[in-house]
Amino acid sequence: MDRIAYTVTATLPDDGLAREYAAWLLDDHVARVLAAGARSAEVIRIEDPPAPIRVETRYTFPGRAALARYLETHAPGLRAQGLERFGPGRGITFERTVGVIL
């Protein structure tokens, strides 16, 4: 069974908001995604290139079925919580990617 990487990259307008976003991930959100089926997670502040400011959160799921369950069952509520706190009005954009871990 292929392990799957699910990555969310946030592009943030300033350093203060990047720190706030990273703290929320580390203090709350990542634990919720792990409880919902991810096997591991990493939060990465991209340094090179230094601009734009980006924070990448990479989750590993044990397979496509686990990711599909997460996306169908848990992701809508967790995304809504994140957008309530870090919505487009704050200048943040998000990109999501999925890939097979080789």
PDB file of N, CA and C in Angstrom:
ATOM      1  N   MET A   1       0.847  -1.180   0.000  1.00  0.00           N
ATOM      2  CA  MET A   1       0.000   0.000   0.000  1.00  0.00           C
ATOM      3  C   MET A   1       0.892   1.243   0.000  1.00  0.00           C
ATOM      4  N   ASP A   2       0.580   2.173  -0.889  1.00  0.00           N
ATOM      5  CA  ASP A   2       1.358   3.400  -1.004  1.00  0.00           C
ATOM      6  C   ASP A   2       1.031   4.368   0.122  1.00  0.00           C
ATOM      7  N   ARG A   3       2.089   4.901   0.745  1.00  0.00           N
ATOM      8  CA  ARG A   3       1.878   6.004   1.686  1.00  0.00           C
ATOM      9  C   ARG A   3       1.672   7.268   0.884  1.00  0.00           C
ATOM     10  N   ILE A   4       0.824   8.146   1.393  1.00  0.00           N
ATOM     11  CA  ILE A   4       0.442   9.346   0.668  1.00  0.00           C
ATOM     12  C   ILE A   4       0.851  10.589   1.460  1.00  0.00           C
ATOM     13  N   ALA A   5       1.441  11.557   0.756  1.00  0.00           N
ATOM     14  CA  ALA A   5       1.761  12.849   1.357  1.00  0.00           C
ATOM     15  C   ALA A   5       0.675  13.837   0.959  1.00  0.00           C
ATOM     16  N   TYR A   6       0.110  14.478   1.946  1.00  0.00           N
ATOM     17  CA  TYR A   6      -0.900  15.515   1.741  1.00  0.00           C
ATOM     18  C   TYR A   6      -0.287  16.790   2.306  1.00  0.00           C
ATOM     19  N   THR A   7      -0.071  17.782   1.445  1.00  0.00           N
ATOM     20  CA  THR A   7       0.654  18.978   1.839  1.00  0.00           C
ATOM     21  C   THR A   7      -0.214  20.214   1.654  1.00  0.00           C
ATOM     22  N   VAL A   8      -0.232  21.052   2.681  1.00  0.00           N
ATOM     23  CA  VAL A   8      -0.927  22.328   2.616  1.00  0.00           C
ATOM     24  C   VAL A   8       0.130  23.414   2.773  1.00  0.00           C
ATOM     25  N   THR A   9       0.218  24.301   1.781  1.00  0.00           N
ATOM     26  CA  THR A   9       1.172  25.398   1.843  1.00  0.00           C
ATOM     27  C   THR A   9       0.401  26.704   1.962  1.00  0.00           C
ATOM     28  N   ALA A  10       0.680  27.431   3.024  1.00  0.00           N
ATOM     29  CA  ALA A  10       0.063  28.739   3.252  1.00  0.00           C
ATOM     30  C   ALA A  10       1.073  29.818   2.884  1.00  0.00           C
ATOM     31  N   THR A  11       0.626  30.786   2.099  1.00  0.00           N
ATOM     32  CA  THR A  11       1.440  31.958   1.787  1.00  0.00           C
ATOM     33  C   THR A  11       0.856  33.110   2.591  1.00  0.00           C
ATOM     34  N   LEU A  12       1.706  33.738   3.399  1.00  0.00           N
ATOM     35  CA  LEU A  12       1.247  34.710   4.392  1.00  0.00           C
ATOM     36  C   LEU A  12       1.840  36.090   4.121  1.00  0.00           C
ATOM     37  N   PRO A  13       1.095  37.150   4.446  1.00  0.00           N
ATOM     38  CA  PRO A  13       1.540  38.500   4.097  1.00  0.00           C
ATOM     39  C   PRO A  13       2.614  39.086   5.009  1.00  0.00           C
ATOM     40  N   ASP A  14       2.768  38.555   6.241  1.00  0.00           N
ATOM     41  CA  ASP A  14       3.775  39.138   7.131  1.00  0.00           C
ATOM     42  C   ASP A  14       4.218  38.117   8.175  1.00  0.00           C
ATOM     43  N   ASP A  15       5.337  38.430   8.818  1.00  0.00           N
ATOM     44  CA  ASP A  15       5.947  37.506   9.766  1.00  0.00           C
ATOM     45  C   ASP A  15       5.077  37.268  11.001  1.00  0.00           C
ATOM     46  N   GLY A  16       4.418  38.302  11.492  1.00  0.00           N
ATOM     47  CA  GLY A  16       3.569  38.136  12.673  1.00  0.00           C
ATOM     48  C   GLY A  16       2.442  37.154  12.417  1.00  0.00           C
ATOM     49  N   LEU A  17       1.807  37.254  11.278  1.00  0.00           N
ATOM     50  CA  LEU A  17       0.732  36.334  10.939  1.00  0.00           C
ATOM     51  C   LEU A  17       1.279  34.926  10.706  1.00  0.00           C
ATOM     52  N   ALA A  18       2.481  34.832  10.147  1.00  0.00           N
ATOM     53  CA  ALA A  18       3.111  33.515   9.962  1.00  0.00           C
ATOM     54  C   ALA A  18       3.362  32.847  11.309  1.00  0.00           C
ATOM     55  N   ARG A  19       3.820  33.598  12.292  1.00  0.00           N
ATOM     56  CA  ARG A  19       4.040  33.037  13.639  1.00  0.00           C
ATOM     57  C   ARG A  19       2.716  32.606  14.267  1.00  0.00           C
ATOM     58  N   GLU A  20       1.682  33.432  14.121  1.00  0.00           N
ATOM     59  CA  GLU A  20       0.364  33.094  14.669  1.00  0.00           C
ATOM     60  C   GLU A  20      -0.180  31.813  14.020  1.00  0.00           C
ATOM     61  N   TYR A  21      -0.058  31.719  12.711  1.00  0.00           N
ATOM     62  CA  TYR A  21      -0.537  30.552  11.978  1.00  0.00           C
ATOM     63  C   TYR A  21       0.229  29.294  12.399  1.00  0.00           C
ATOM     64  N   ALA A  22       1.547  29.385  12.485  1.00  0.00           N
ATOM     65  CA  ALA A  22       2.357  28.228  12.887  1.00  0.00           C
ATOM     66  C   ALA A  22       2.017  27.791  14.307  1.00  0.00           C
ATOM     67  N   ALA A  23       1.809  28.735  15.201  1.00  0.00           N
ATOM     68  CA  ALA A  23       1.448  28.390  16.584  1.00  0.00           C
ATOM     69  C   ALA A  23       0.114  27.654  16.615  1.00  0.00           C
ATOM     70  N   TRP A  24      -0.861  28.105  15.844  1.00  0.00           N
ATOM     71  CA  TRP A  24      -2.156  27.424  15.783  1.00  0.00           C
ATOM     72  C   TRP A  24      -1.993  25.994  15.253  1.00  0.00           C
ATOM     73  N   LEU A  25      -1.179  25.840  14.211  1.00  0.00           N
ATOM     74  CA  LEU A  25      -0.937  24.501  13.685  1.00  0.00           C
ATOM     75  C   LEU A  25      -0.354  23.595  14.763  1.00  0.00           C
ATOM     76  N   LEU A  26       0.705  24.071  15.407  1.00  0.00           N
ATOM     77  CA  LEU A  26       1.439  23.249  16.365  1.00  0.00           C
ATOM     78  C   LEU A  26       0.669  23.013  17.662  1.00  0.00           C
ATOM     79  N   ASP A  27      -0.150  23.965  18.067  1.00  0.00           N
ATOM     80  CA  ASP A  27      -0.884  23.851  19.331  1.00  0.00           C
ATOM     81  C   ASP A  27      -2.227  23.157  19.191  1.00  0.00           C
ATOM     82  N   ASP A  28      -2.760  23.040  17.961  1.00  0.00           N
ATOM     83  CA  ASP A  28      -4.126  22.548  17.825  1.00  0.00           C
ATOM     84  C   ASP A  28      -4.364  21.733  16.558  1.00  0.00           C
ATOM     85  N   HIS A  29      -4.219  22.362  15.415  1.00  0.00           N
ATOM     86  CA  HIS A  29      -4.706  21.776  14.164  1.00  0.00           C
ATOM     87  C   HIS A  29      -4.025  20.460  13.793  1.00  0.00           C
ATOM     88  N   VAL A  30      -2.706  20.401  13.887  1.00  0.00           N
ATOM     89  CA  VAL A  30      -1.983  19.186  13.505  1.00  0.00           C
ATOM     90  C   VAL A  30      -2.468  17.993  14.336  1.00  0.00           C
ATOM     91  N   ALA A  31      -2.669  18.181  15.611  1.00  0.00           N
ATOM     92  CA  ALA A  31      -3.156  17.087  16.461  1.00  0.00           C
ATOM     93  C   ALA A  31      -4.520  16.589  16.002  1.00  0.00           C
ATOM     94  N   ARG A  32      -5.363  17.485  15.533  1.00  0.00           N
ATOM     95  CA  ARG A  32      -6.687  17.087  15.044  1.00  0.00           C
ATOM     96  C   ARG A  32      -6.578  16.262  13.760  1.00  0.00           C
ATOM     97  N   VAL A  33      -5.660  16.641  12.877  1.00  0.00           N
ATOM     98  CA  VAL A  33      -5.479  15.873  11.638  1.00  0.00           C
ATOM     99  C   VAL A  33      -4.883  14.499  11.961  1.00  0.00           C
ATOM    100  N   LEU A  34      -3.963  14.439  12.894  1.00  0.00           N
ATOM    101  CA  LEU A  34      -3.411  13.150  13.316  1.00  0.00           C
ATOM    102  C   LEU A  34      -4.508  12.267  13.920  1.00  0.00           C
ATOM    103  N   ALA A  35      -5.360  12.838  14.728  1.00  0.00           N
ATOM    104  CA  ALA A  35      -6.466  12.069  15.319  1.00  0.00           C
ATOM    105  C   ALA A  35      -7.452  11.599  14.260  1.00  0.00           C
ATOM    106  N   ALA A  36      -7.484  12.297  13.122  1.00  0.00           N
ATOM    107  CA  ALA A  36      -8.426  11.968  12.048  1.00  0.00           C
ATOM    108  C   ALA A  36      -7.842  10.996  11.021  1.00  0.00           C
ATOM    109  N   GLY A  37      -6.623  10.500  11.239  1.00  0.00           N
ATOM    110  CA  GLY A  37      -6.117   9.466  10.357  1.00  0.00           C
ATOM    111  C   GLY A  37      -4.727   9.632   9.800  1.00  0.00           C
ATOM    112  N   ALA A  38      -4.133  10.820   9.888  1.00  0.00           N
ATOM    113  CA  ALA A  38      -2.752  10.979   9.428  1.00  0.00           C
ATOM    114  C   ALA A  38      -1.828  10.234  10.383  1.00  0.00           C
ATOM    115  N   ARG A  39      -0.735   9.702   9.859  1.00  0.00           N
ATOM    116  CA  ARG A  39       0.217   8.962  10.693  1.00  0.00           C
ATOM    117  C   ARG A  39       1.361   9.838  11.192  1.00  0.00           C
ATOM    118  N   SER A  40       1.658  10.905  10.459  1.00  0.00           N
ATOM    119  CA  SER A  40       2.720  11.818  10.896  1.00  0.00           C
ATOM    120  C   SER A  40       2.459  13.177  10.274  1.00  0.00           C
ATOM    121  N   ALA A  41       3.150  14.186  10.825  1.00  0.00           N
ATOM    122  CA  ALA A  41       2.999  15.550  10.316  1.00  0.00           C
ATOM    123  C   ALA A  41       4.274  16.328  10.588  1.00  0.00           C
ATOM    124  N   GLU A  42       4.559  17.264   9.681  1.00  0.00           N
ATOM    125  CA  GLU A  42       5.672  18.190   9.840  1.00  0.00           C
ATOM    126  C   GLU A  42       5.185  19.579   9.466  1.00  0.00           C
ATOM    127  N   VAL A  43       5.610  20.576  10.226  1.00  0.00           N
ATOM    128  CA  VAL A  43       5.312  21.970   9.905  1.00  0.00           C
ATOM    129  C   VAL A  43       6.650  22.618   9.571  1.00  0.00           C
ATOM    130  N   ILE A  44       6.727  23.208   8.373  1.00  0.00           N
ATOM    131  CA  ILE A  44       7.989  23.704   7.843  1.00  0.00           C
ATOM    132  C   ILE A  44       7.835  25.168   7.450  1.00  0.00           C
ATOM    133  N   ARG A  45       8.681  26.020   7.990  1.00  0.00           N
ATOM    134  CA  ARG A  45       8.741  27.421   7.545  1.00  0.00           C
ATOM    135  C   ARG A  45       9.750  27.467   6.408  1.00  0.00           C
ATOM    136  N   ILE A  46       9.294  27.764   5.210  1.00  0.00           N
ATOM    137  CA  ILE A  46      10.176  27.809   4.046  1.00  0.00           C
ATOM    138  C   ILE A  46      11.123  29.001   4.204  1.00  0.00           C
ATOM    139  N   GLU A  47      12.437  28.735   4.081  1.00  0.00           N
ATOM    140  CA  GLU A  47      13.447  29.787   4.232  1.00  0.00           C
ATOM    141  C   GLU A  47      14.078  30.204   2.913  1.00  0.00           C
ATOM    142  N   ASP A  48      14.104  29.310   1.945  1.00  0.00           N
ATOM    143  CA  ASP A  48      14.759  29.623   0.681  1.00  0.00           C
ATOM    144  C   ASP A  48      13.853  29.202  -0.460  1.00  0.00           C
ATOM    145  N   PRO A  49      13.264  30.132  -1.155  1.00  0.00           N
ATOM    146  CA  PRO A  49      13.487  31.568  -1.046  1.00  0.00           C
ATOM    147  C   PRO A  49      12.762  32.161   0.159  1.00  0.00           C
ATOM    148  N   PRO A  50      13.283  33.272   0.683  1.00  0.00           N
ATOM    149  CA  PRO A  50      12.696  33.869   1.882  1.00  0.00           C
ATOM    150  C   PRO A  50      11.370  34.583   1.632  1.00  0.00           C
ATOM    151  N   ALA A  51      11.088  34.924   0.391  1.00  0.00           N
ATOM    152  CA  ALA A  51       9.830  35.602   0.076  1.00  0.00           C
ATOM    153  C   ALA A  51       9.205  34.902  -1.124  1.00  0.00           C
ATOM    154  N   PRO A  52       7.924  34.746  -1.125  1.00  0.00           N
ATOM    155  CA  PRO A  52       6.981  35.165  -0.098  1.00  0.00           C
ATOM    156  C   PRO A  52       7.107  34.281   1.138  1.00  0.00           C
ATOM    157  N   ILE A  53       6.513  34.723   2.234  1.00  0.00           N
ATOM    158  CA  ILE A  53       6.526  33.953   3.476  1.00  0.00           C
ATOM    159  C   ILE A  53       5.580  32.766   3.299  1.00  0.00           C
ATOM    160  N   ARG A  54       6.130  31.553   3.501  1.00  0.00           N
ATOM    161  CA  ARG A  54       5.323  30.340   3.344  1.00  0.00           C
ATOM    162  C   ARG A  54       5.552  29.390   4.507  1.00  0.00           C
ATOM    163  N   VAL A  55       4.458  28.744   4.911  1.00  0.00           N
ATOM    164  CA  VAL A  55       4.502  27.676   5.910  1.00  0.00           C
ATOM    165  C   VAL A  55       3.861  26.461   5.268  1.00  0.00           C
ATOM    166  N   GLU A  56       4.607  25.376   5.271  1.00  0.00           N
ATOM    167  CA  GLU A  56       4.147  24.131   4.650  1.00  0.00           C
ATOM    168  C   GLU A  56       3.848  23.119   5.746  1.00  0.00           C
ATOM    169  N   THR A  57       2.701  22.489   5.668  1.00  0.00           N
ATOM    170  CA  THR A  57       2.340  21.424   6.601  1.00  0.00           C
ATOM    171  C   THR A  57       2.174  20.155   5.785  1.00  0.00           C
ATOM    172  N   ARG A  58       3.008  19.160   6.086  1.00  0.00           N
ATOM    173  CA  ARG A  58       3.015  17.913   5.325  1.00  0.00           C
ATOM    174  C   ARG A  58       2.554  16.767   6.226  1.00  0.00           C
ATOM    175  N   TYR A  59       1.462  16.153   5.824  1.00  0.00           N
ATOM    176  CA  TYR A  59       0.903  15.012   6.539  1.00  0.00           C
ATOM    177  C   TYR A  59       1.170  13.747   5.741  1.00  0.00           C
ATOM    178  N   THR A  60       1.411  12.658   6.439  1.00  0.00           N
ATOM    179  CA  THR A  60       1.553  11.353   5.799  1.00  0.00           C
ATOM    180  C   THR A  60       0.357  10.494   6.197  1.00  0.00           C
ATOM    181  N   PHE A  61      -0.308   9.946   5.186  1.00  0.00           N
ATOM    182  CA  PHE A  61      -1.429   9.031   5.400  1.00  0.00           C
ATOM    183  C   PHE A  61      -0.995   7.638   4.969  1.00  0.00           C
ATOM    184  N   PRO A  62      -1.524   6.588   5.625  1.00  0.00           N
ATOM    185  CA  PRO A  62      -1.074   5.222   5.324  1.00  0.00           C
ATOM    186  C   PRO A  62      -1.503   4.724   3.940  1.00  0.00           C
ATOM    187  N   GLY A  63      -2.411   5.406   3.293  1.00  0.00           N
ATOM    188  CA  GLY A  63      -2.840   4.999   1.955  1.00  0.00           C
ATOM    189  C   GLY A  63      -3.906   5.938   1.435  1.00  0.00           C
ATOM    190  N   ARG A  64      -4.292   5.704   0.184  1.00  0.00           N
ATOM    191  CA  ARG A  64      -5.300   6.551  -0.451  1.00  0.00           C
ATOM    192  C   ARG A  64      -6.650   6.491   0.257  1.00  0.00           C
ATOM    193  N   ALA A  65      -7.022   5.305   0.742  1.00  0.00           N
ATOM    194  CA  ALA A  65      -8.321   5.164   1.417  1.00  0.00           C
ATOM    195  C   ALA A  65      -8.356   6.003   2.691  1.00  0.00           C
ATOM    196  N   ALA A  66      -7.268   6.026   3.440  1.00  0.00           N
ATOM    197  CA  ALA A  66      -7.217   6.831   4.668  1.00  0.00           C
ATOM    198  C   ALA A  66      -7.313   8.312   4.349  1.00  0.00           C
ATOM    199  N   LEU A  67      -6.624   8.742   3.292  1.00  0.00           N
ATOM    200  CA  LEU A  67      -6.716  10.146   2.895  1.00  0.00           C
ATOM    201  C   LEU A  67      -8.137  10.471   2.436  1.00  0.00           C
ATOM    202  N   ALA A  68      -8.738   9.589   1.660  1.00  0.00           N
ATOM    203  CA  ALA A  68     -10.107   9.823   1.183  1.00  0.00           C
ATOM    204  C   ALA A  68     -11.077   9.941   2.355  1.00  0.00           C
ATOM    205  N   ARG A  69     -10.933   9.080   3.363  1.00  0.00           N
ATOM    206  CA  ARG A  69     -11.790   9.173   4.561  1.00  0.00           C
ATOM    207  C   ARG A  69     -11.604  10.509   5.257  1.00  0.00           C
ATOM    208  N   TYR A  70     -10.336  10.920   5.398  1.00  0.00           N
ATOM    209  CA  TYR A  70     -10.053  12.206   6.036  1.00  0.00           C
ATOM    210  C   TYR A  70     -10.708  13.344   5.246  1.00  0.00           C
ATOM    211  N   LEU A  71     -10.489  13.366   3.937  1.00  0.00           N
ATOM    212  CA  LEU A  71     -11.008  14.454   3.105  1.00  0.00           C
ATOM    213  C   LEU A  71     -12.532  14.497   3.125  1.00  0.00           C
ATOM    214  N   GLU A  72     -13.161  13.350   3.175  1.00  0.00           N
ATOM    215  CA  GLU A  72     -14.628  13.299   3.149  1.00  0.00           C
ATOM    216  C   GLU A  72     -15.237  13.595   4.516  1.00  0.00           C
ATOM    217  N   THR A  73     -14.648  13.056   5.554  1.00  0.00           N
ATOM    218  CA  THR A  73     -15.266  13.093   6.881  1.00  0.00           C
ATOM    219  C   THR A  73     -14.789  14.249   7.753  1.00  0.00           C
ATOM    220  N   HIS A  74     -13.491  14.498   7.757  1.00  0.00           N
ATOM    221  CA  HIS A  74     -12.915  15.432   8.725  1.00  0.00           C
ATOM    222  C   HIS A  74     -12.471  16.771   8.129  1.00  0.00           C
ATOM    223  N   ALA A  75     -11.963  16.743   6.909  1.00  0.00           N
ATOM    224  CA  ALA A  75     -11.387  17.954   6.323  1.00  0.00           C
ATOM    225  C   ALA A  75     -12.363  19.120   6.225  1.00  0.00           C
ATOM    226  N   PRO A  76     -13.630  18.898   5.832  1.00  0.00           N
ATOM    227  CA  PRO A  76     -14.519  20.071   5.713  1.00  0.00           C
ATOM    228  C   PRO A  76     -14.635  20.871   7.014  1.00  0.00           C
ATOM    229  N   GLY A  77     -14.812  20.203   8.137  1.00  0.00           N
ATOM    230  CA  GLY A  77     -14.928  20.902   9.414  1.00  0.00           C
ATOM    231  C   GLY A  77     -13.628  21.562   9.835  1.00  0.00           C
ATOM    232  N   LEU A  78     -12.516  20.864   9.633  1.00  0.00           N
ATOM    233  CA  LEU A  78     -11.223  21.429  10.015  1.00  0.00           C
ATOM    234  C   LEU A  78     -10.856  22.617   9.132  1.00  0.00           C
ATOM    235  N   ARG A  79     -11.176  22.522   7.851  1.00  0.00           N
ATOM    236  CA  ARG A  79     -10.918  23.669   6.958  1.00  0.00           C
ATOM    237  C   ARG A  79     -11.765  24.863   7.358  1.00  0.00           C
ATOM    238  N   ALA A  80     -13.015  24.598   7.713  1.00  0.00           N
ATOM    239  CA  ALA A  80     -13.898  25.696   8.131  1.00  0.00           C
ATOM    240  C   ALA A  80     -13.335  26.390   9.365  1.00  0.00           C
ATOM    241  N   GLN A  81     -12.821  25.619  10.332  1.00  0.00           N
ATOM    242  CA  GLN A  81     -12.206  26.215  11.521  1.00  0.00           C
ATOM    243  C   GLN A  81     -11.005  27.075  11.141  1.00  0.00           C
ATOM    244  N   GLY A  82     -10.185  26.559  10.227  1.00  0.00           N
ATOM    245  CA  GLY A  82      -9.012  27.312   9.795  1.00  0.00           C
ATOM    246  C   GLY A  82      -9.385  28.594   9.066  1.00  0.00           C
ATOM    247  N   LEU A  83     -10.388  28.508   8.190  1.00  0.00           N
ATOM    248  CA  LEU A  83     -10.797  29.701   7.445  1.00  0.00           C
ATOM    249  C   LEU A  83     -11.467  30.731   8.335  1.00  0.00           C
ATOM    250  N   GLU A  84     -12.108  30.261   9.396  1.00  0.00           N
ATOM    251  CA  GLU A  84     -12.708  31.201  10.349  1.00  0.00           C
ATOM    252  C   GLU A  84     -11.614  32.045  11.002  1.00  0.00           C
ATOM    253  N   ARG A  85     -10.504  31.432  11.252  1.00  0.00           N
ATOM    254  CA  ARG A  85      -9.404  32.111  11.929  1.00  0.00           C
ATOM    255  C   ARG A  85      -8.433  32.788  10.959  1.00  0.00           C
ATOM    256  N   PHE A  86      -8.210  32.147   9.798  1.00  0.00           N
ATOM    257  CA  PHE A  86      -7.205  32.624   8.847  1.00  0.00           C
ATOM    258  C   PHE A  86      -7.800  32.724   7.445  1.00  0.00           C
ATOM    259  N   GLY A  87      -8.939  33.340   7.343  1.00  0.00           N
ATOM    260  CA  GLY A  87      -9.640  33.455   6.066  1.00  0.00           C
ATOM    261  C   GLY A  87      -8.976  34.418   5.106  1.00  0.00           C
ATOM    262  N   PRO A  88      -9.523  34.495   3.889  1.00  0.00           N
ATOM    263  CA  PRO A  88      -8.919  35.329   2.845  1.00  0.00           C
ATOM    264  C   PRO A  88      -8.836  36.809   3.212  1.00  0.00           C
ATOM    265  N   GLY A  89      -9.675  37.268   4.124  1.00  0.00           N
ATOM    266  CA  GLY A  89      -9.616  38.663   4.548  1.00  0.00           C
ATOM    267  C   GLY A  89      -8.318  39.013   5.262  1.00  0.00           C
ATOM    268  N   ARG A  90      -7.564  37.992   5.671  1.00  0.00           N
ATOM    269  CA  ARG A  90      -6.287  38.229   6.356  1.00  0.00           C
ATOM    270  C   ARG A  90      -5.100  38.170   5.403  1.00  0.00           C
ATOM    271  N   GLY A  91      -5.374  37.950   4.132  1.00  0.00           N
ATOM    272  CA  GLY A  91      -4.301  37.972   3.145  1.00  0.00           C
ATOM    273  C   GLY A  91      -3.546  36.666   2.973  1.00  0.00           C
ATOM    274  N   ILE A  92      -4.102  35.568   3.460  1.00  0.00           N
ATOM    275  CA  ILE A  92      -3.451  34.264   3.356  1.00  0.00           C
ATOM    276  C   ILE A  92      -4.044  33.506   2.167  1.00  0.00           C
ATOM    277  N   THR A  93      -3.185  32.828   1.421  1.00  0.00           N
ATOM    278  CA  THR A  93      -3.663  31.908   0.391  1.00  0.00           C
ATOM    279  C   THR A  93      -3.146  30.510   0.706  1.00  0.00           C
ATOM    280  N   PHE A  94      -3.894  29.509   0.258  1.00  0.00           N
ATOM    281  CA  PHE A  94      -3.556  28.116   0.534  1.00  0.00           C
ATOM    282  C   PHE A  94      -3.453  27.331  -0.770  1.00  0.00           C
ATOM    283  N   GLU A  95      -2.508  26.401  -0.787  1.00  0.00           N
ATOM    284  CA  GLU A  95      -2.377  25.456  -1.897  1.00  0.00           C
ATOM    285  C   GLU A  95      -2.272  24.062  -1.287  1.00  0.00           C
ATOM    286  N   ARG A  96      -2.985  23.103  -1.865  1.00  0.00           N
ATOM    287  CA  ARG A  96      -2.939  21.728  -1.387  1.00  0.00           C
ATOM    288  C   ARG A  96      -2.422  20.835  -2.499  1.00  0.00           C
ATOM    289  N   THR A  97      -1.535  19.890  -2.135  1.00  0.00           N
ATOM    290  CA  THR A  97      -1.034  18.913  -3.092  1.00  0.00           C
ATOM    291  C   THR A  97      -1.074  17.530  -2.453  1.00  0.00           C
ATOM    292  N   VAL A  98      -1.172  16.525  -3.305  1.00  0.00           N
ATOM    293  CA  VAL A  98      -1.189  15.117  -2.869  1.00  0.00           C
ATOM    294  C   VAL A  98      -0.174  14.378  -3.716  1.00  0.00           C
ATOM    295  N   GLY A  99       0.620  13.521  -3.086  1.00  0.00           N
ATOM    296  CA  GLY A  99       1.595  12.732  -3.829  1.00  0.00           C
ATOM    297  C   GLY A  99       1.878  11.416  -3.146  1.00  0.00           C
ATOM    298  N   VAL A 100       2.403  10.475  -3.919  1.00  0.00           N
ATOM    299  CA  VAL A 100       2.805   9.165  -3.413  1.00  0.00           C
ATOM    300  C   VAL A 100       4.224   9.272  -2.861  1.00  0.00           C
ATOM    301  N   ILE A 101       4.450   8.737  -1.679  1.00  0.00           N
ATOM    302  CA  ILE A 101       5.787   8.715  -1.092  1.00  0.00           C
ATOM    303  C   ILE A 101       6.530   7.520  -1.676  1.00  0.00           C
ATOM    304  N   LEU A 102       7.641   7.800  -2.335  1.00  0.00           N
ATOM    305  CA  LEU A 102       8.401   6.738  -3.005  1.00  0.00           C
ATOM    306  C   LEU A 102       9.358   6.038  -2.070  1.00  0.00           C
TER     307      LEU A 102
END
